[in-house]
Amino acid sequence: MATYQWTSTSPEETMQFAERLGKLLQSGDVCTLEGDLGAGKTTFTKGLGLGLGVKRTINSPTFTIIKEYQGRVPFYHMDVYRLEDSDEDLGFDEYFEGEGVCVVEWAHFIEEFLPEERLAIRIAYEDETHRTIVLEAGSDHFDKLCKEITS
């Protein structure tokens, strides 16, 4: 699995980077998103939504677990933090194998349900303005996308 790294110096840069990725994502793509509270996961997700052509405001689905948006393809934003101690399958396969793009925040809580072929994204808080974004390409498809947005 190839790994790529990029440093952001502002929320706007994070969104622009994610927007470039969102423009390349296709139906059936799954991205996992990890990072501490305040690292920028929702900011990154907003950028993905822009790249996918979502017009609605994107915010964290903490209390609903899954929010659905319409862009050029359906966009499914999942925040599975509240499932930390749960073995409940909420029909994730229908989303992961569907026609949309999925982004899963706190994905390690549902590791057993995740597809192997995915783009794993980690955002690390470095200081007030800097974030390190690490992309792990879980397939040739994602490797190609990572090369394109990090070059």
Protein backbone atom coordinates (compact mmCIF):
# COMPACT_ATOMS: atom_id res chain seq x y z
CA MET A 1 0.00 0.00 0.00
CA ALA A 2 1.52 3.30 -1.12
CA THR A 3 1.55 6.26 1.29
CA TYR A 4 1.49 9.95 0.38
CA GLN A 5 1.87 12.99 2.62
CA TRP A 6 0.82 16.60 2.24
CA THR A 7 0.97 19.56 4.66
CA SER A 8 -1.78 22.14 4.94
CA THR A 9 -1.21 25.58 6.44
CA SER A 10 -4.89 26.62 6.74
CA PRO A 11 -8.43 25.25 6.73
CA GLU A 12 -8.84 26.75 3.25
CA GLU A 13 -5.84 24.79 1.95
CA THR A 14 -7.23 21.62 3.52
CA MET A 15 -10.56 22.19 1.77
CA GLN A 16 -8.88 22.93 -1.57
CA PHE A 17 -6.77 19.76 -1.32
CA ALA A 18 -9.85 17.69 -0.48
CA GLU A 19 -11.82 19.35 -3.30
CA ARG A 20 -9.16 18.25 -5.81
CA LEU A 21 -9.53 14.70 -4.50
CA GLY A 22 -13.33 14.92 -4.59
CA LYS A 23 -13.26 15.84 -8.28
CA LEU A 24 -11.45 12.54 -8.99
CA LEU A 25 -13.55 10.21 -6.84
CA GLN A 26 -15.96 7.83 -8.56
CA SER A 27 -19.06 5.83 -7.66
CA GLY A 28 -18.18 3.06 -5.24
CA ASP A 29 -15.12 4.82 -3.77
CA VAL A 30 -14.71 4.59 0.01
CA CYS A 31 -12.50 6.96 1.99
CA THR A 32 -11.81 6.54 5.69
CA LEU A 33 -10.91 9.57 7.76
CA GLU A 34 -9.03 9.51 11.06
CA GLY A 35 -7.72 12.29 13.26
CA ASP A 36 -8.09 13.75 16.72
CA LEU A 37 -10.97 16.06 17.60
CA GLY A 38 -10.32 19.39 15.91
CA ALA A 39 -7.81 17.99 13.42
CA GLY A 40 -9.96 18.98 10.44
CA LYS A 41 -11.96 15.88 9.44
CA THR A 42 -15.16 17.81 8.80
CA THR A 43 -13.26 20.57 6.97
CA PHE A 44 -11.73 17.87 4.75
CA THR A 45 -15.16 16.33 4.17
CA LYS A 46 -16.59 19.71 3.15
CA GLY A 47 -13.84 19.94 0.52
CA LEU A 48 -14.65 16.45 -0.77
CA GLY A 49 -18.28 17.50 -1.07
CA LEU A 50 -17.33 20.58 -3.09
CA GLY A 51 -15.31 18.38 -5.44
CA LEU A 52 -18.29 16.06 -5.81
CA GLY A 53 -20.59 18.97 -6.66
CA VAL A 54 -22.62 18.92 -3.43
CA LYS A 55 -24.53 22.21 -3.05
CA ARG A 56 -25.93 21.69 0.47
CA THR A 57 -24.01 22.65 3.60
CA ILE A 58 -22.01 19.69 4.91
CA ASN A 59 -21.68 19.29 8.64
CA SER A 60 -20.83 16.46 10.98
CA PRO A 61 -23.47 13.72 11.21
CA THR A 62 -22.53 12.96 14.84
CA PHE A 63 -26.12 12.47 16.00
CA THR A 64 -27.47 10.74 12.88
CA ILE A 65 -24.37 8.65 12.02
CA ILE A 66 -24.98 8.93 8.23
CA LYS A 67 -25.88 11.97 6.15
CA GLU A 68 -26.64 11.68 2.46
CA TYR A 69 -25.96 14.42 -0.08
CA GLN A 70 -26.51 14.64 -3.81
CA GLY A 71 -23.75 15.82 -6.14
CA ARG A 72 -22.60 14.36 -9.45
CA VAL A 73 -22.88 11.05 -7.54
CA PRO A 74 -24.48 10.40 -4.14
CA PHE A 75 -22.17 11.34 -1.24
CA TYR A 76 -22.48 9.50 2.06
CA HIS A 77 -20.84 11.12 5.09
CA MET A 78 -20.59 8.80 8.09
CA ASP A 79 -19.42 9.64 11.60
CA VAL A 80 -19.23 6.33 13.46
CA TYR A 81 -17.68 7.67 16.67
CA ARG A 82 -20.78 6.69 18.68
CA LEU A 83 -20.43 3.08 17.50
CA GLU A 84 -17.19 2.57 19.44
CA ASP A 85 -18.59 -0.18 21.66
CA SER A 86 -21.21 -1.50 19.25
CA ASP A 87 -21.19 -4.61 17.11
CA GLU A 88 -24.28 -3.42 15.28
CA ASP A 89 -24.22 -3.57 11.48
CA LEU A 90 -26.23 -0.62 10.20
CA GLY A 91 -26.23 -1.81 6.60
CA PHE A 92 -22.84 -0.36 5.75
CA ASP A 93 -22.44 -2.78 2.81
CA GLU A 94 -25.33 -1.08 1.03
CA TYR A 95 -23.38 2.17 1.12
CA PHE A 96 -19.91 0.73 0.49
CA GLU A 97 -21.11 -1.31 -2.49
CA GLY A 98 -23.55 1.32 -3.76
CA GLU A 99 -23.45 3.98 -6.44
CA GLY A 100 -22.08 6.76 -4.27
CA VAL A 101 -18.88 7.92 -2.62
CA CYS A 102 -18.50 7.22 1.10
CA VAL A 103 -16.37 9.03 3.65
CA VAL A 104 -16.21 7.46 7.11
CA GLU A 105 -14.96 9.47 10.09
CA TRP A 106 -13.54 7.43 13.00
CA ALA A 107 -13.50 4.41 10.67
CA HIS A 108 -11.42 2.24 13.03
CA PHE A 109 -14.59 1.70 15.08
CA ILE A 110 -16.15 -0.29 12.22
CA GLU A 111 -12.98 -1.83 10.77
CA GLU A 112 -14.64 -5.24 10.31
CA PHE A 113 -17.26 -3.75 7.97
CA LEU A 114 -14.90 -1.72 5.78
CA PRO A 115 -13.90 -2.83 2.28
CA GLU A 116 -10.23 -3.60 1.75
CA GLU A 117 -10.10 -1.37 -1.33
CA ARG A 118 -10.29 2.11 0.16
CA LEU A 119 -8.38 5.32 0.61
CA ALA A 120 -7.30 5.76 4.23
CA ILE A 121 -6.80 9.40 5.20
CA ARG A 122 -5.22 10.54 8.48
CA ILE A 123 -5.12 14.17 9.52
CA ALA A 124 -2.64 15.13 12.24
CA TYR A 125 -2.81 18.40 14.14
CA GLU A 126 0.70 19.89 14.10
CA ASP A 127 -0.04 23.37 15.46
CA GLU A 128 -2.71 26.07 15.22
CA THR A 129 -2.31 26.41 11.44
CA HIS A 130 -0.54 23.26 10.21
CA ARG A 131 -2.01 19.84 9.53
CA THR A 132 -0.27 16.81 8.06
CA ILE A 133 -2.51 14.78 5.77
CA VAL A 134 -1.42 11.20 5.11
CA LEU A 135 -3.08 9.20 2.34
CA GLU A 136 -2.76 5.39 2.15
CA ALA A 137 -3.88 4.04 -1.20
CA GLY A 138 -5.56 0.65 -0.81
CA SER A 139 -5.63 -0.07 -4.54
CA ASP A 140 -4.11 0.94 -7.87
CA HIS A 141 -7.11 3.20 -8.45
CA PHE A 142 -6.43 5.18 -5.26
CA ASP A 143 -2.69 5.16 -5.89
CA LYS A 144 -3.31 6.93 -9.20
CA LEU A 145 -5.56 9.51 -7.52
CA CYS A 146 -3.01 10.17 -4.78
CA LYS A 147 -0.22 10.67 -7.28
CA GLU A 148 -2.36 13.14 -9.18
CA ILE A 149 -3.33 15.32 -6.22
CA THR A 150 0.05 15.29 -4.46
CA SER A 151 2.24 16.08 -7.49
